[in-house]
């Protein structure tokens, strides 16, 4: 069975400044955008993936350790972890 903490909703939240070289404070469980757009993330293998046309005001169930500045057009980003 997975870690029991993975079954609970997020308990902490943080505003994010995108960065091409620095990881987030913790792996995200969800990402909320204040302004719609694209986000560039690292997947669990460290590959860069651009997720296009994400809506604002929706918690997207995306798990990542980094949200890159390059290729990210969405703003007012908050992570749930």
Protein backbone atom coordinates (compact mmCIF):
# COMPACT_ATOMS: atom_id res chain seq x y z
CA UNK A 1 0.00 0.00 0.00
CA UNK A 2 1.11 3.56 -0.63
CA UNK A 3 2.18 5.92 2.11
CA UNK A 4 -0.95 6.65 4.19
CA UNK A 5 -0.29 10.42 3.86
CA UNK A 6 -0.93 10.14 0.12
CA UNK A 7 -4.59 9.40 0.89
CA UNK A 8 -5.23 12.74 2.60
CA UNK A 9 -5.86 16.07 0.90
CA UNK A 10 -3.12 18.68 0.91
CA UNK A 11 -2.44 20.29 4.27
CA UNK A 12 0.04 23.00 3.32
CA UNK A 13 0.08 25.65 0.64
CA UNK A 14 2.69 28.00 -0.83
CA UNK A 15 2.86 30.67 -3.48
CA UNK A 16 5.44 29.81 -6.12
CA UNK A 17 8.02 31.84 -7.97
CA UNK A 18 8.97 29.81 -11.02
CA UNK A 19 12.63 28.87 -11.21
CA UNK A 20 14.69 26.86 -13.69
CA UNK A 21 17.21 25.60 -11.12
CA UNK A 22 15.54 25.40 -7.70
CA UNK A 23 13.09 22.75 -6.49
CA UNK A 24 9.86 23.57 -4.69
CA UNK A 25 9.83 23.30 -0.89
CA UNK A 26 8.01 19.99 -1.25
CA UNK A 27 6.57 17.85 -4.04
CA UNK A 28 3.23 19.33 -5.07
CA UNK A 29 -0.04 17.44 -4.78
CA UNK A 30 -1.95 20.08 -6.71
CA UNK A 31 -1.34 23.35 -8.53
CA UNK A 32 -3.70 26.34 -8.62
CA UNK A 33 -3.23 29.11 -11.18
CA UNK A 34 -4.48 32.64 -10.69
CA UNK A 35 -3.99 33.39 -14.39
CA UNK A 36 -4.46 30.65 -16.98
CA UNK A 37 -1.61 29.48 -19.18
CA UNK A 38 1.06 26.87 -19.65
CA UNK A 39 3.34 25.44 -16.99
CA UNK A 40 6.67 23.73 -17.54
CA UNK A 41 7.52 21.13 -14.92
CA UNK A 42 9.97 18.36 -14.23
CA UNK A 43 8.38 14.91 -14.13
CA UNK A 44 9.54 12.29 -11.64
CA UNK A 45 12.43 11.33 -13.95
CA UNK A 46 13.63 14.94 -14.30
CA UNK A 47 12.30 15.38 -17.83
CA UNK A 48 10.82 18.75 -18.76
CA UNK A 49 7.15 18.62 -19.68
CA UNK A 50 5.05 21.59 -20.78
CA UNK A 51 1.38 21.28 -19.86
CA UNK A 52 -0.58 23.64 -22.05
CA UNK A 53 -3.70 25.73 -21.55
CA UNK A 54 -4.37 25.07 -17.87
CA UNK A 55 -7.39 26.92 -16.51
CA UNK A 56 -7.25 29.46 -13.72
CA UNK A 57 -9.16 28.90 -10.50
CA UNK A 58 -8.94 25.10 -10.66
CA UNK A 59 -6.74 22.85 -8.52
CA UNK A 60 -4.92 20.69 -11.06
CA UNK A 61 -3.79 17.33 -9.61
CA UNK A 62 -0.17 17.65 -10.70
CA UNK A 63 2.75 16.30 -8.70
CA UNK A 64 6.13 17.88 -9.36
CA UNK A 65 9.27 19.07 -7.59
CA UNK A 66 9.91 22.04 -9.89
CA UNK A 67 7.94 24.58 -11.91
CA UNK A 68 10.25 26.10 -14.48
CA UNK A 69 10.32 29.77 -15.44
CA UNK A 70 11.21 28.93 -19.04
CA UNK A 71 8.05 28.09 -21.04
CA UNK A 72 5.69 28.85 -18.11
CA UNK A 73 3.13 31.50 -19.04
CA UNK A 74 0.66 30.99 -16.18
CA UNK A 75 1.02 33.31 -13.19
CA UNK A 76 -0.12 33.64 -9.59
CA UNK A 77 0.80 30.00 -8.98
CA UNK A 78 0.06 28.28 -5.67
CA UNK A 79 1.01 24.71 -4.82
CA UNK A 80 -0.81 22.38 -2.50
CA UNK A 81 1.34 19.79 -0.72
